[in-house]
Structure formats: C-alpha cells, structure tokens
Amino acid sequence: MRPARVAAVETLSPHFRLVDLEGKALRNVAWTTGQKVQISMGSGLSARTYTPMSWDANSGRTQMLTFAHGDGPGSRWARELSEGDTCRFFGPRRSLDLSGLESPMVLFGDETSFGLAAALRACPQADGAVHVFEASNVAESRQVAEAIGLGQTTLIERITGDAHLATAEAELSRLAASGAHFVLTGKASSIQHVSRALKAVGVVSSRVKTKAYWAQGKIGLD
C-alpha cells in the first residue's frame, strides 16, 4: 500500500467532491486512463475503488471524483475527508483496458463513471466523446458534469424498475449507426441491458468495452 496526503478537497454538490492526493509514493508512477486505485477505509481489508481523473507522476499528485451515496464506509470517508488527512491506497492497477477503441466514442454509465469520463479527455481516440449517463438527480449531475468539464452529455433520470433504460438503449442504438465504439460502465444490470440492445442492432464485440463498477446488493465490484 502507498501512503498519501489529502492536498485539496472541493465540494461540487451535496454528493460529489473533488479530491487531490499527493505524496512521494505517487511520483514516477506509470498510470494510464481507465486504471483504478483502491483506498483503504482504515478497518481491516475494507477498501473502496476510484478512477483517477489525472495523475502527475513528476509532482506526485492525482485527482479523483468521489460520489457519496448511502451510508457505507466509502460514502462516510468521502463526506468526512479534509485537507491534510492521510490515507493509504493500492494502485494504480488495471481495471478497464481501452486499447483498440476508436473515435467516435460513446461512454455509458452513471454517477460512478464521471471520473472516467473526465480522464478520457486526455485520450486522442476519445476526442469529442459522447456521454450517456443514468442519474438519480439529473440537476445535480448536470452541475457536476459542467464543473469537471465534460463535453456532450445526456443525462437520463432513473425510474423505479429501470424503465428509463429504454431511453438509454434508444440513444445508444442511434449512435451505433455512426460506427461509434462503446465503453459501458456503472451498474452491472444496466450494462447488461444496453449490451443486448447494441448487439441487436449489429454492434460487434470489438467495438464494445465493459466494466461493472457496482451491482445492487453486492460488495466487491470495482
């Protein structure tokens, strides 16, 4: 595990905070977009996973976006974090391999995917990427998306029973006609829904990358 110091914390909204970590252990580290870090929650082997938005290996500094939902260890950690605090983490480690993808690119996901969307700005093949996100609070998510400089972003409000995914499937199917490559992230069941829709309109597997960050009632996905 690597030690780090919280260099800055910026509250963007009630549920989102930008966090900068710094330290000698972050210097001379090879990081690529899509990789993850796992932050120790300070009790046993409990850890929560985040996707760095950027990594400066020269100065030893990384930035990530935290999303606090519910009252689990990760949400409590994100809410209580203050400048000057210390933490320990694993990584960066492989999580989502973006090799082979081409422009135009579409990122599907939810609030847990915003950090990846920001990180993709540094990837040439993701230039002009389109984002399609399901969100519990569209107004708050739009505010955060604008604050971190995301480009074309479609936000779809979650509906009980996942009825809103029909809208997401229709939008992704429309974009598929342009030959887009897809990165599907976020909730496992939502990824399954839109994957089936893309397959139904003829999108081959080489144009799709998937990474489930979470699943209802399960712990351990990242």
C-alpha atoms as a PDB file:
ATOM      1  CA  MET A   1       0.000   0.000   0.000  1.00  0.00           C
ATOM      2  CA  ARG A   2       1.113   3.549  -0.726  1.00  0.00           C
ATOM      3  CA  PRO A   3       0.703   6.463   1.692  1.00  0.00           C
ATOM      4  CA  ALA A   4      -0.763   9.760   0.502  1.00  0.00           C
ATOM      5  CA  ARG A   5      -1.843  13.101   1.896  1.00  0.00           C
ATOM      6  CA  VAL A   6      -5.070  14.878   1.002  1.00  0.00           C
ATOM      7  CA  ALA A   7      -3.802  18.031  -0.689  1.00  0.00           C
ATOM      8  CA  ALA A   8      -7.195  19.543  -1.504  1.00  0.00           C
ATOM      9  CA  VAL A   9     -10.907  18.832  -1.246  1.00  0.00           C
ATOM     10  CA  GLU A  10     -13.540  20.726  -3.234  1.00  0.00           C
ATOM     11  CA  THR A  11     -17.248  20.145  -2.660  1.00  0.00           C
ATOM     12  CA  LEU A  12     -19.042  20.329  -6.020  1.00  0.00           C
ATOM     13  CA  SER A  13     -22.514  19.362  -4.792  1.00  0.00           C
ATOM     14  CA  PRO A  14     -24.168  17.545  -1.874  1.00  0.00           C
ATOM     15  CA  HIS A  15     -22.912  14.161  -3.120  1.00  0.00           C
ATOM     16  CA  PHE A  16     -19.770  14.908  -5.167  1.00  0.00           C
ATOM     17  CA  ARG A  17     -16.311  16.071  -4.047  1.00  0.00           C
ATOM     18  CA  LEU A  18     -13.077  16.550  -5.954  1.00  0.00           C
ATOM     19  CA  VAL A  19     -10.129  15.131  -4.022  1.00  0.00           C
ATOM     20  CA  ASP A  20      -6.425  15.702  -4.710  1.00  0.00           C
ATOM     21  CA  LEU A  21      -3.915  13.261  -3.210  1.00  0.00           C
ATOM     22  CA  GLU A  22      -0.174  13.902  -3.119  1.00  0.00           C
ATOM     23  CA  GLY A  23       2.973  12.259  -1.819  1.00  0.00           C
ATOM     24  CA  LYS A  24       6.365  10.807  -2.700  1.00  0.00           C
ATOM     25  CA  ALA A  25       4.753   7.414  -3.314  1.00  0.00           C
ATOM     26  CA  LEU A  26       2.788   8.920  -6.213  1.00  0.00           C
ATOM     27  CA  ARG A  27       5.907  10.069  -8.071  1.00  0.00           C
ATOM     28  CA  ASN A  28       7.382   8.180 -11.031  1.00  0.00           C
ATOM     29  CA  VAL A  29       4.265   6.039 -11.254  1.00  0.00           C
ATOM     30  CA  ALA A  30       3.051   4.708 -14.603  1.00  0.00           C
ATOM     31  CA  TRP A  31      -0.673   5.411 -14.945  1.00  0.00           C
ATOM     32  CA  THR A  32      -2.989   5.056 -17.930  1.00  0.00           C
ATOM     33  CA  THR A  33      -6.572   6.189 -18.367  1.00  0.00           C
ATOM     34  CA  GLY A  34      -9.066   3.651 -17.051  1.00  0.00           C
ATOM     35  CA  GLN A  35      -6.857   2.278 -14.283  1.00  0.00           C
ATOM     36  CA  LYS A  36      -8.068   2.258 -10.677  1.00  0.00           C
ATOM     37  CA  VAL A  37      -6.839   2.958  -7.174  1.00  0.00           C
ATOM     38  CA  GLN A  38      -8.239   1.274  -4.087  1.00  0.00           C
ATOM     39  CA  ILE A  39      -8.366   3.459  -0.982  1.00  0.00           C
ATOM     40  CA  SER A  40      -8.168   1.767   2.413  1.00  0.00           C
ATOM     41  CA  MET A  41     -11.112   2.665   4.621  1.00  0.00           C
ATOM     42  CA  GLY A  42      -8.937   2.109   7.695  1.00  0.00           C
ATOM     43  CA  SER A  43     -10.638  -1.004   9.028  1.00  0.00           C
ATOM     44  CA  GLY A  44      -9.251  -4.421   8.170  1.00  0.00           C
ATOM     45  CA  LEU A  45      -9.087  -5.053   4.438  1.00  0.00           C
ATOM     46  CA  SER A  46     -12.010  -2.743   3.634  1.00  0.00           C
ATOM     47  CA  ALA A  47     -11.304  -0.551   0.593  1.00  0.00           C
ATOM     48  CA  ARG A  48     -13.216   1.451  -2.000  1.00  0.00           C
ATOM     49  CA  THR A  49     -12.253   1.868  -5.640  1.00  0.00           C
ATOM     50  CA  TYR A  50     -11.871   5.128  -7.571  1.00  0.00           C
ATOM     51  CA  THR A  51     -10.854   6.012 -11.122  1.00  0.00           C
ATOM     52  CA  PRO A  52      -8.224   8.783 -11.155  1.00  0.00           C
ATOM     53  CA  MET A  53      -9.099  11.723 -13.397  1.00  0.00           C
ATOM     54  CA  SER A  54      -5.431  12.648 -13.812  1.00  0.00           C
ATOM     55  CA  TRP A  55      -2.006  11.687 -12.491  1.00  0.00           C
ATOM     56  CA  ASP A  56       1.094  13.891 -12.390  1.00  0.00           C
ATOM     57  CA  ALA A  57       3.974  11.479 -11.865  1.00  0.00           C
ATOM     58  CA  ASN A  58       6.528  14.304 -11.710  1.00  0.00           C
ATOM     59  CA  SER A  59       4.976  16.169  -8.797  1.00  0.00           C
ATOM     60  CA  GLY A  60       3.356  13.098  -7.240  1.00  0.00           C
ATOM     61  CA  ARG A  61      -0.272  14.193  -7.383  1.00  0.00           C
ATOM     62  CA  THR A  62      -3.526  12.618  -8.538  1.00  0.00           C
ATOM     63  CA  GLN A  63      -7.116  13.846  -8.641  1.00  0.00           C
ATOM     64  CA  MET A  64     -10.324  11.858  -8.337  1.00  0.00           C
ATOM     65  CA  LEU A  65     -14.041  12.472  -8.006  1.00  0.00           C
ATOM     66  CA  THR A  66     -15.853  10.918  -5.053  1.00  0.00           C
ATOM     67  CA  PHE A  67     -19.581  10.176  -5.070  1.00  0.00           C
ATOM     68  CA  ALA A  68     -21.172   9.693  -1.653  1.00  0.00           C
ATOM     69  CA  HIS A  69     -24.421   7.737  -1.767  1.00  0.00           C
ATOM     70  CA  GLY A  70     -25.945   5.881   1.140  1.00  0.00           C
ATOM     71  CA  ASP A  71     -24.103   5.438   4.425  1.00  0.00           C
ATOM     72  CA  GLY A  72     -21.413   2.880   3.642  1.00  0.00           C
ATOM     73  CA  PRO A  73     -17.706   3.206   4.523  1.00  0.00           C
ATOM     74  CA  GLY A  74     -16.856   4.836   1.187  1.00  0.00           C
ATOM     75  CA  SER A  75     -19.578   7.465   1.485  1.00  0.00           C
ATOM     76  CA  ARG A  76     -18.622   8.296   5.064  1.00  0.00           C
ATOM     77  CA  TRP A  77     -14.959   8.592   4.084  1.00  0.00           C
ATOM     78  CA  ALA A  78     -15.769  10.918   1.188  1.00  0.00           C
ATOM     79  CA  ARG A  79     -18.042  13.148   3.291  1.00  0.00           C
ATOM     80  CA  GLU A  80     -15.620  13.474   6.209  1.00  0.00           C
ATOM     81  CA  LEU A  81     -12.416  13.957   4.207  1.00  0.00           C
ATOM     82  CA  SER A  82     -10.462  17.144   4.917  1.00  0.00           C
ATOM     83  CA  GLU A  83      -7.286  18.745   3.591  1.00  0.00           C
ATOM     84  CA  GLY A  84      -4.287  17.411   5.489  1.00  0.00           C
ATOM     85  CA  ASP A  85      -5.795  13.982   6.175  1.00  0.00           C
ATOM     86  CA  THR A  86      -3.732  10.929   5.269  1.00  0.00           C
ATOM     87  CA  CYS A  87      -4.746   7.685   3.619  1.00  0.00           C
ATOM     88  CA  ARG A  88      -3.267   4.520   2.142  1.00  0.00           C
ATOM     89  CA  PHE A  89      -4.067   3.002  -1.222  1.00  0.00           C
ATOM     90  CA  PHE A  90      -3.289   0.221  -3.696  1.00  0.00           C
ATOM     91  CA  GLY A  91      -2.516   1.058  -7.274  1.00  0.00           C
ATOM     92  CA  PRO A  92      -2.795   2.279  -9.835  1.00  0.00           C
ATOM     93  CA  ARG A  93      -3.909  -1.103 -11.140  1.00  0.00           C
ATOM     94  CA  ARG A  94      -5.532  -2.405 -14.290  1.00  0.00           C
ATOM     95  CA  SER A  95      -9.304  -2.015 -14.422  1.00  0.00           C
ATOM     96  CA  LEU A  96     -10.571  -1.021 -17.869  1.00  0.00           C
ATOM     97  CA  ASP A  97      -8.458  -1.648 -20.970  1.00  0.00           C
ATOM     98  CA  LEU A  98      -9.301   0.988 -23.571  1.00  0.00           C
ATOM     99  CA  SER A  99      -6.868  -0.230 -26.241  1.00  0.00           C
ATOM    100  CA  GLY A 100      -8.380  -0.935 -29.627  1.00  0.00           C
ATOM    101  CA  LEU A 101     -11.169   1.604 -29.315  1.00  0.00           C
ATOM    102  CA  GLU A 102     -11.506   4.305 -31.944  1.00  0.00           C
ATOM    103  CA  SER A 103     -13.326   7.573 -32.453  1.00  0.00           C
ATOM    104  CA  PRO A 104     -16.207   8.317 -32.331  1.00  0.00           C
ATOM    105  CA  MET A 105     -16.519   7.009 -28.781  1.00  0.00           C
ATOM    106  CA  VAL A 106     -19.590   6.771 -26.533  1.00  0.00           C
ATOM    107  CA  LEU A 107     -19.327   6.318 -22.760  1.00  0.00           C
ATOM    108  CA  PHE A 108     -22.367   4.907 -20.996  1.00  0.00           C
ATOM    109  CA  GLY A 109     -22.574   4.797 -17.222  1.00  0.00           C
ATOM    110  CA  ASP A 110     -23.816   6.654 -14.171  1.00  0.00           C
ATOM    111  CA  GLU A 111     -22.510   8.868 -11.371  1.00  0.00           C
ATOM    112  CA  THR A 112     -19.676   6.417 -10.698  1.00  0.00           C
ATOM    113  CA  SER A 113     -18.467   6.903 -14.288  1.00  0.00           C
ATOM    114  CA  PHE A 114     -17.908  10.668 -14.163  1.00  0.00           C
ATOM    115  CA  GLY A 115     -14.260  10.313 -13.125  1.00  0.00           C
ATOM    116  CA  LEU A 116     -13.539   8.055 -16.091  1.00  0.00           C
ATOM    117  CA  ALA A 117     -15.287  10.496 -18.421  1.00  0.00           C
ATOM    118  CA  ALA A 118     -13.011  13.283 -17.198  1.00  0.00           C
ATOM    119  CA  ALA A 119      -9.911  11.108 -17.564  1.00  0.00           C
ATOM    120  CA  LEU A 120     -10.834  10.236 -21.160  1.00  0.00           C
ATOM    121  CA  ARG A 121     -10.247  13.844 -22.181  1.00  0.00           C
ATOM    122  CA  ALA A 122      -6.523  13.040 -22.310  1.00  0.00           C
ATOM    123  CA  CYS A 123      -7.038  10.190 -24.817  1.00  0.00           C
ATOM    124  CA  PRO A 124      -6.802  11.114 -28.526  1.00  0.00           C
ATOM    125  CA  GLN A 125      -9.245   8.364 -29.513  1.00  0.00           C
ATOM    126  CA  ALA A 126     -11.812   9.820 -27.101  1.00  0.00           C
ATOM    127  CA  ASP A 127     -11.714  13.310 -28.568  1.00  0.00           C
ATOM    128  CA  GLY A 128     -15.305  14.548 -28.796  1.00  0.00           C
ATOM    129  CA  ALA A 129     -16.630  11.561 -26.850  1.00  0.00           C
ATOM    130  CA  VAL A 130     -20.357  11.471 -26.152  1.00  0.00           C
ATOM    131  CA  HIS A 131     -21.535  10.619 -22.637  1.00  0.00           C
ATOM    132  CA  VAL A 132     -24.860   8.955 -21.811  1.00  0.00           C
ATOM    133  CA  PHE A 133     -25.460   8.617 -18.072  1.00  0.00           C
ATOM    134  CA  GLU A 134     -28.333   7.389 -15.917  1.00  0.00           C
ATOM    135  CA  ALA A 135     -28.614   9.536 -12.786  1.00  0.00           C
ATOM    136  CA  SER A 136     -30.734   9.709  -9.656  1.00  0.00           C
ATOM    137  CA  ASN A 137     -30.589  13.501  -9.577  1.00  0.00           C
ATOM    138  CA  VAL A 138     -30.254  14.959 -13.064  1.00  0.00           C
ATOM    139  CA  ALA A 139     -29.912  18.566 -11.912  1.00  0.00           C
ATOM    140  CA  GLU A 140     -27.070  17.752  -9.518  1.00  0.00           C
ATOM    141  CA  SER A 141     -25.331  15.506 -12.040  1.00  0.00           C
ATOM    142  CA  ARG A 142     -25.517  18.189 -14.734  1.00  0.00           C
ATOM    143  CA  GLN A 143     -23.973  20.687 -12.338  1.00  0.00           C
ATOM    144  CA  VAL A 144     -21.082  18.317 -11.607  1.00  0.00           C
ATOM    145  CA  ALA A 145     -20.591  17.348 -15.256  1.00  0.00           C
ATOM    146  CA  GLU A 146     -20.228  21.007 -16.161  1.00  0.00           C
ATOM    147  CA  ALA A 147     -17.879  21.649 -13.222  1.00  0.00           C
ATOM    148  CA  ILE A 148     -15.419  18.958 -14.336  1.00  0.00           C
ATOM    149  CA  GLY A 149     -15.591  19.958 -17.984  1.00  0.00           C
ATOM    150  CA  LEU A 150     -17.399  17.067 -19.598  1.00  0.00           C
ATOM    151  CA  GLY A 151     -18.443  17.611 -23.177  1.00  0.00           C
ATOM    152  CA  GLN A 152     -21.542  16.200 -24.858  1.00  0.00           C
ATOM    153  CA  THR A 153     -23.531  14.690 -22.019  1.00  0.00           C
ATOM    154  CA  THR A 154     -27.013  13.168 -21.986  1.00  0.00           C
ATOM    155  CA  LEU A 155     -28.462  12.580 -18.512  1.00  0.00           C
ATOM    156  CA  ILE A 156     -31.375  10.172 -18.085  1.00  0.00           C
ATOM    157  CA  GLU A 157     -33.285  10.159 -14.796  1.00  0.00           C
ATOM    158  CA  ARG A 158     -33.522   6.783 -13.086  1.00  0.00           C
ATOM    159  CA  ILE A 159     -37.010   5.323 -12.801  1.00  0.00           C
ATOM    160  CA  THR A 160     -38.047   2.534 -10.458  1.00  0.00           C
ATOM    161  CA  GLY A 161     -37.960  -0.758 -12.316  1.00  0.00           C
ATOM    162  CA  ASP A 162     -35.348   0.550 -14.775  1.00  0.00           C
ATOM    163  CA  ALA A 163     -37.954   1.726 -17.277  1.00  0.00           C
ATOM    164  CA  HIS A 164     -35.604   4.611 -18.142  1.00  0.00           C
ATOM    165  CA  LEU A 165     -33.153   2.186 -19.741  1.00  0.00           C
ATOM    166  CA  ALA A 166     -35.402   2.047 -22.811  1.00  0.00           C
ATOM    167  CA  THR A 167     -34.411   5.679 -23.429  1.00  0.00           C
ATOM    168  CA  ALA A 168     -30.730   4.839 -22.970  1.00  0.00           C
ATOM    169  CA  GLU A 169     -30.981   1.877 -25.325  1.00  0.00           C
ATOM    170  CA  ALA A 170     -32.657   4.005 -27.993  1.00  0.00           C
ATOM    171  CA  GLU A 171     -29.967   6.687 -27.721  1.00  0.00           C
ATOM    172  CA  LEU A 172     -27.085   4.209 -27.893  1.00  0.00           C
ATOM    173  CA  SER A 173     -28.679   2.397 -30.816  1.00  0.00           C
ATOM    174  CA  ARG A 174     -28.953   5.716 -32.656  1.00  0.00           C
ATOM    175  CA  LEU A 175     -25.282   6.462 -32.018  1.00  0.00           C
ATOM    176  CA  ALA A 176     -24.303   2.957 -33.139  1.00  0.00           C
ATOM    177  CA  ALA A 177     -25.397   3.851 -36.659  1.00  0.00           C
ATOM    178  CA  SER A 178     -22.453   6.279 -36.881  1.00  0.00           C
ATOM    179  CA  GLY A 179     -19.970   3.470 -36.286  1.00  0.00           C
ATOM    180  CA  ALA A 180     -19.246   4.505 -32.700  1.00  0.00           C
ATOM    181  CA  HIS A 181     -17.196   2.472 -30.263  1.00  0.00           C
ATOM    182  CA  PHE A 182     -18.729   1.996 -26.812  1.00  0.00           C
ATOM    183  CA  VAL A 183     -17.438   1.945 -23.244  1.00  0.00           C
ATOM    184  CA  LEU A 184     -20.131   0.598 -20.908  1.00  0.00           C
ATOM    185  CA  THR A 185     -19.601   1.207 -17.193  1.00  0.00           C
ATOM    186  CA  GLY A 186     -21.529   1.682 -13.946  1.00  0.00           C
ATOM    187  CA  LYS A 187     -24.290  -0.612 -12.734  1.00  0.00           C
ATOM    188  CA  ALA A 188     -23.934  -4.258 -13.795  1.00  0.00           C
ATOM    189  CA  SER A 189     -27.588  -4.822 -14.714  1.00  0.00           C
ATOM    190  CA  SER A 190     -27.734  -1.600 -16.749  1.00  0.00           C
ATOM    191  CA  ILE A 191     -24.678  -2.698 -18.722  1.00  0.00           C
ATOM    192  CA  GLN A 192     -26.401  -5.997 -19.494  1.00  0.00           C
ATOM    193  CA  HIS A 193     -29.498  -4.172 -20.776  1.00  0.00           C
ATOM    194  CA  VAL A 194     -27.665  -1.829 -23.139  1.00  0.00           C
ATOM    195  CA  SER A 195     -25.239  -4.554 -24.272  1.00  0.00           C
ATOM    196  CA  ARG A 196     -28.188  -6.603 -25.526  1.00  0.00           C
ATOM    197  CA  ALA A 197     -29.604  -3.567 -27.312  1.00  0.00           C
ATOM    198  CA  LEU A 198     -26.297  -2.859 -29.070  1.00  0.00           C
ATOM    199  CA  LYS A 199     -25.934  -6.488 -30.113  1.00  0.00           C
ATOM    200  CA  ALA A 200     -29.451  -6.405 -31.519  1.00  0.00           C
ATOM    201  CA  VAL A 201     -28.526  -3.543 -33.872  1.00  0.00           C
ATOM    202  CA  GLY A 202     -25.391  -5.295 -35.080  1.00  0.00           C
ATOM    203  CA  VAL A 203     -22.636  -3.776 -32.948  1.00  0.00           C
ATOM    204  CA  VAL A 204     -19.793  -6.324 -32.852  1.00  0.00           C
ATOM    205  CA  SER A 205     -17.956  -7.106 -29.621  1.00  0.00           C
ATOM    206  CA  SER A 206     -14.713  -5.487 -30.824  1.00  0.00           C
ATOM    207  CA  ARG A 207     -16.499  -2.106 -30.661  1.00  0.00           C
ATOM    208  CA  VAL A 208     -17.537  -2.549 -27.018  1.00  0.00           C
ATOM    209  CA  LYS A 209     -15.635  -2.480 -23.710  1.00  0.00           C
ATOM    210  CA  THR A 210     -17.447  -3.117 -20.426  1.00  0.00           C
ATOM    211  CA  LYS A 211     -16.634  -2.622 -16.754  1.00  0.00           C
ATOM    212  CA  ALA A 212     -19.217  -3.018 -13.997  1.00  0.00           C
ATOM    213  CA  TYR A 213     -18.409  -0.715 -11.079  1.00  0.00           C
ATOM    214  CA  TRP A 214     -21.250  -1.882  -8.848  1.00  0.00           C
ATOM    215  CA  ALA A 215     -24.302  -4.114  -8.536  1.00  0.00           C
ATOM    216  CA  GLN A 216     -27.348  -3.796  -6.318  1.00  0.00           C
ATOM    217  CA  GLY A 217     -26.828  -5.657  -3.040  1.00  0.00           C
ATOM    218  CA  LYS A 218     -23.264  -6.719  -3.824  1.00  0.00           C
ATOM    219  CA  ILE A 219     -19.892  -5.621  -2.426  1.00  0.00           C
ATOM    220  CA  GLY A 220     -16.571  -6.059  -4.162  1.00  0.00           C
ATOM    221  CA  LEU A 221     -17.189  -4.848  -7.719  1.00  0.00           C
ATOM    222  CA  ASP A 222     -14.914  -2.074  -8.925  1.00  0.00           C
END
